[in-house]
Protein backbone atom coordinates (compact mmCIF):
# COMPACT_ATOMS: atom_id res chain seq x y z
CA MET A 1 -25.36 4.67 -21.49
CA LEU A 2 -25.62 1.70 -19.13
CA LYS A 3 -22.74 3.15 -17.10
CA LEU A 4 -24.64 6.41 -16.67
CA GLN A 5 -27.69 4.50 -15.43
CA TYR A 6 -25.63 2.71 -12.78
CA VAL A 7 -24.13 5.97 -11.56
CA PHE A 8 -27.60 7.54 -11.43
CA ILE A 9 -28.96 4.59 -9.42
CA PHE A 10 -26.01 4.82 -7.01
CA ILE A 11 -26.47 8.55 -6.47
CA PHE A 12 -30.26 8.13 -6.19
CA THR A 13 -29.82 5.55 -3.40
CA LEU A 14 -27.64 8.02 -1.52
CA ILE A 15 -29.97 10.99 -1.96
CA CYS A 16 -33.34 9.31 -1.24
CA PRO A 17 -32.68 8.77 2.46
CA LEU A 18 -31.65 12.42 2.81
CA ILE A 19 -34.88 13.58 1.19
CA ALA A 20 -36.86 11.33 3.52
CA GLY A 21 -34.99 12.80 6.50
CA ALA A 22 -33.06 9.65 7.30
CA GLN A 23 -29.35 9.69 7.91
CA ILE A 24 -26.98 7.62 5.82
CA PRO A 25 -25.04 5.32 8.08
CA SER A 26 -21.36 6.14 7.91
CA LEU A 27 -19.11 3.36 6.75
CA SER A 28 -15.70 2.62 8.12
CA GLU A 29 -12.60 2.81 5.94
CA TYR A 30 -12.48 -1.00 5.94
CA GLU A 31 -16.13 -1.24 4.81
CA LEU A 32 -15.61 1.28 2.00
CA PHE A 33 -12.50 -0.52 0.79
CA SER A 34 -14.28 -3.88 1.00
CA LEU A 35 -17.28 -2.57 -0.94
CA ALA A 36 -14.96 -1.12 -3.58
CA SER A 37 -13.11 -4.44 -3.84
CA GLN A 38 -16.41 -6.33 -4.19
CA GLN A 39 -17.41 -4.03 -7.03
CA VAL A 40 -14.07 -4.65 -8.74
CA GLN A 41 -14.61 -8.42 -8.41
CA SER A 42 -18.09 -7.99 -9.95
CA GLY A 43 -16.67 -5.96 -12.83
CA ASN A 44 -18.41 -2.75 -11.74
CA LEU A 45 -15.47 -0.37 -11.97
CA ASP A 46 -17.74 2.69 -11.87
CA PHE A 47 -19.12 1.76 -8.46
CA ALA A 48 -15.66 0.73 -7.26
CA PHE A 49 -14.40 4.15 -8.31
CA LEU A 50 -17.16 5.83 -6.29
CA TYR A 51 -16.29 3.81 -3.18
CA PHE A 52 -12.54 4.42 -3.57
CA ASN A 53 -13.17 8.13 -4.05
CA ASN A 54 -15.47 8.20 -1.02
CA LEU A 55 -12.80 6.47 1.06
CA LEU A 56 -10.22 9.08 0.02
CA GLU A 57 -12.57 11.93 0.91
CA GLN A 58 -13.65 10.55 4.29
CA PHE A 59 -10.37 8.95 5.35
CA PRO A 60 -7.48 10.72 3.60
CA SER A 61 -4.92 9.15 5.94
CA SER A 62 -6.41 5.67 5.89
CA ARG A 63 -4.23 2.61 5.60
CA TYR A 64 -6.11 1.99 2.34
CA SER A 65 -5.47 5.45 0.89
CA GLU A 66 -2.40 4.42 -1.10
CA GLN A 67 -4.25 1.60 -2.87
CA ALA A 68 -7.40 3.67 -3.32
CA LEU A 69 -5.56 6.66 -4.81
CA PHE A 70 -3.71 4.47 -7.29
CA ALA A 71 -7.00 2.75 -8.22
CA VAL A 72 -8.65 6.11 -8.85
CA GLY A 73 -5.74 7.09 -11.13
CA GLU A 74 -6.04 3.80 -13.00
CA TYR A 75 -9.77 4.24 -13.37
CA TYR A 76 -9.30 7.68 -14.91
CA PHE A 77 -6.64 6.24 -17.25
CA ILE A 78 -8.91 3.36 -18.32
CA GLU A 79 -11.72 5.87 -18.96
CA ARG A 80 -9.29 8.01 -21.00
CA ASN A 81 -9.77 10.96 -18.65
CA TYR A 82 -6.10 11.81 -18.95
CA ARG A 83 -6.27 15.16 -17.19
CA GLN A 84 -7.71 13.61 -14.01
CA ALA A 85 -5.40 10.58 -14.33
CA THR A 86 -2.41 12.91 -14.52
CA THR A 87 -3.53 14.90 -11.48
CA THR A 88 -4.21 11.72 -9.50
CA PHE A 89 -0.93 9.98 -10.38
CA LEU A 90 1.08 13.13 -9.59
CA LYS A 91 -0.65 13.29 -6.21
CA PHE A 92 0.11 9.59 -5.71
CA ILE A 93 3.82 10.05 -6.45
CA ASP A 94 3.95 13.10 -4.17
CA ARG A 95 2.29 11.27 -1.26
CA TYR A 96 3.88 7.84 -1.74
CA PRO A 97 7.29 8.32 -3.40
CA ASP A 98 8.67 5.10 -1.93
CA SER A 99 5.70 2.94 -2.92
CA VAL A 100 6.36 -0.01 -5.18
CA ALA A 101 3.50 1.37 -7.31
CA SER A 102 5.28 4.69 -7.96
CA VAL A 103 7.13 3.35 -10.97
CA PHE A 104 3.80 2.21 -12.43
CA ALA A 105 2.32 5.68 -11.82
CA LEU A 106 5.31 7.12 -13.70
CA CYS A 107 4.67 4.69 -16.55
CA TYR A 108 1.02 5.74 -16.80
CA LEU A 109 2.10 9.40 -16.78
CA ARG A 110 4.65 8.70 -19.52
CA GLU A 111 2.04 6.98 -21.66
CA ILE A 112 -0.30 9.97 -21.22
CA ALA A 113 2.46 12.45 -22.16
CA GLN A 114 3.36 10.31 -25.18
CA TYR A 115 -0.30 10.11 -26.25
CA LEU A 116 -0.63 13.91 -25.93
CA GLY A 117 2.56 14.40 -27.96
CA ASP A 118 4.46 16.08 -25.13
CA GLU A 119 7.98 14.95 -26.04
CA SER A 120 9.73 16.93 -23.31
CA THR A 121 7.61 15.42 -20.51
CA THR A 122 7.85 11.97 -22.10
CA GLU A 123 11.65 12.20 -22.04
CA LYS A 124 11.76 13.45 -18.43
CA LEU A 125 9.47 10.62 -17.30
CA THR A 126 11.55 8.12 -19.28
CA GLN A 127 14.67 9.22 -17.40
CA LEU A 128 12.83 9.03 -14.06
CA ILE A 129 11.66 5.48 -14.81
CA ILE A 130 15.12 4.36 -15.87
CA SER A 131 16.67 5.84 -12.74
CA CYS A 132 14.10 4.22 -10.43
CA GLN A 133 16.16 1.05 -10.24
CA ARG A 134 19.81 0.89 -9.66
CA LEU A 135 20.42 -2.09 -11.83
CA SER A 136 22.59 -4.92 -10.69
CA LEU A 137 22.01 -7.95 -12.88
CA VAL A 138 24.68 -10.25 -11.59
CA PHE A 139 23.77 -13.76 -12.76
CA ARG A 140 20.35 -12.53 -13.93
CA GLU A 141 18.89 -11.39 -17.21
CA SER A 142 16.44 -8.92 -15.63
CA LYS A 143 14.97 -7.55 -12.45
CA THR A 144 11.19 -7.76 -12.00
CA ILE A 145 8.86 -5.69 -9.83
CA SER A 146 5.21 -6.71 -9.53
CA TYR A 147 2.17 -4.98 -8.11
CA VAL A 148 -1.49 -5.99 -8.05
CA SER A 149 -3.59 -2.84 -7.98
CA ALA A 150 -6.87 -2.47 -6.12
CA LEU A 151 -8.54 -2.76 -9.55
CA LYS A 152 -7.01 -6.27 -9.66
CA ARG A 153 -4.72 -5.41 -12.54
CA LYS A 154 -1.45 -7.33 -12.39
CA LEU A 155 1.27 -4.79 -13.14
CA CYS A 156 4.81 -5.85 -13.84
CA VAL A 157 7.97 -3.97 -14.74
CA ARG A 158 11.09 -5.76 -15.94
CA TYR A 159 14.39 -3.93 -15.99
CA PHE A 160 16.85 -5.33 -18.51
CA ILE A 161 20.36 -4.09 -19.22
CA ASP A 162 19.11 -2.13 -22.26
CA LYS A 163 15.35 -1.65 -21.78
CA VAL A 164 12.42 -1.52 -19.40
CA GLU A 165 9.17 -3.35 -20.14
CA PHE A 166 5.83 -2.74 -18.45
CA SER A 167 3.00 -5.24 -18.68
CA ILE A 168 -0.57 -5.26 -17.45
CA ASN A 169 -2.22 -8.64 -16.90
CA GLY A 170 0.61 -10.30 -18.80
CA GLU A 171 0.35 -8.10 -21.92
CA LEU A 172 3.05 -5.65 -22.90
CA PHE A 173 1.90 -2.12 -22.11
CA ALA A 174 5.05 -0.09 -22.73
CA ARG A 175 8.70 -0.57 -23.62
CA ILE A 176 11.49 1.89 -23.05
CA ASN A 177 14.76 1.22 -24.86
CA TYR A 178 17.93 2.93 -23.71
């Protein structure tokens, strides 16, 4: 309920100037990303989501678009809006296939497919995740890839010789054995 009130207040502050005939000053891509980041730091993910979404709408080719799009996908996942999370992460992978965050988008998609009981998609995503890294563990036990999302979630994937482990903020999120 409190979340709905915050969203209403945010929308109200945007609409009031329009009703009064004033123009809303346009914000730069940097300002929108900064405002979103400030909201994340304050724990206001709903407002951060609105700023990230606004950034993507106004500046689709911004240098912040990759981070913003991933953050929007994460937000939908956290809110259990799996349909929108799926759409957003698929768009992310399509636009940024070489991003370090792509493997994490695949992991989120796999978890959604697994939750929905879609075994075929889960298996396809599992194979994609496994094939993301050509593993060469000479003198090492594992290979680690880390990414800190715009929502300040510390994502980590560790490729072992027989499994892949994903963690978020140091806690195991998913394990794929092969």
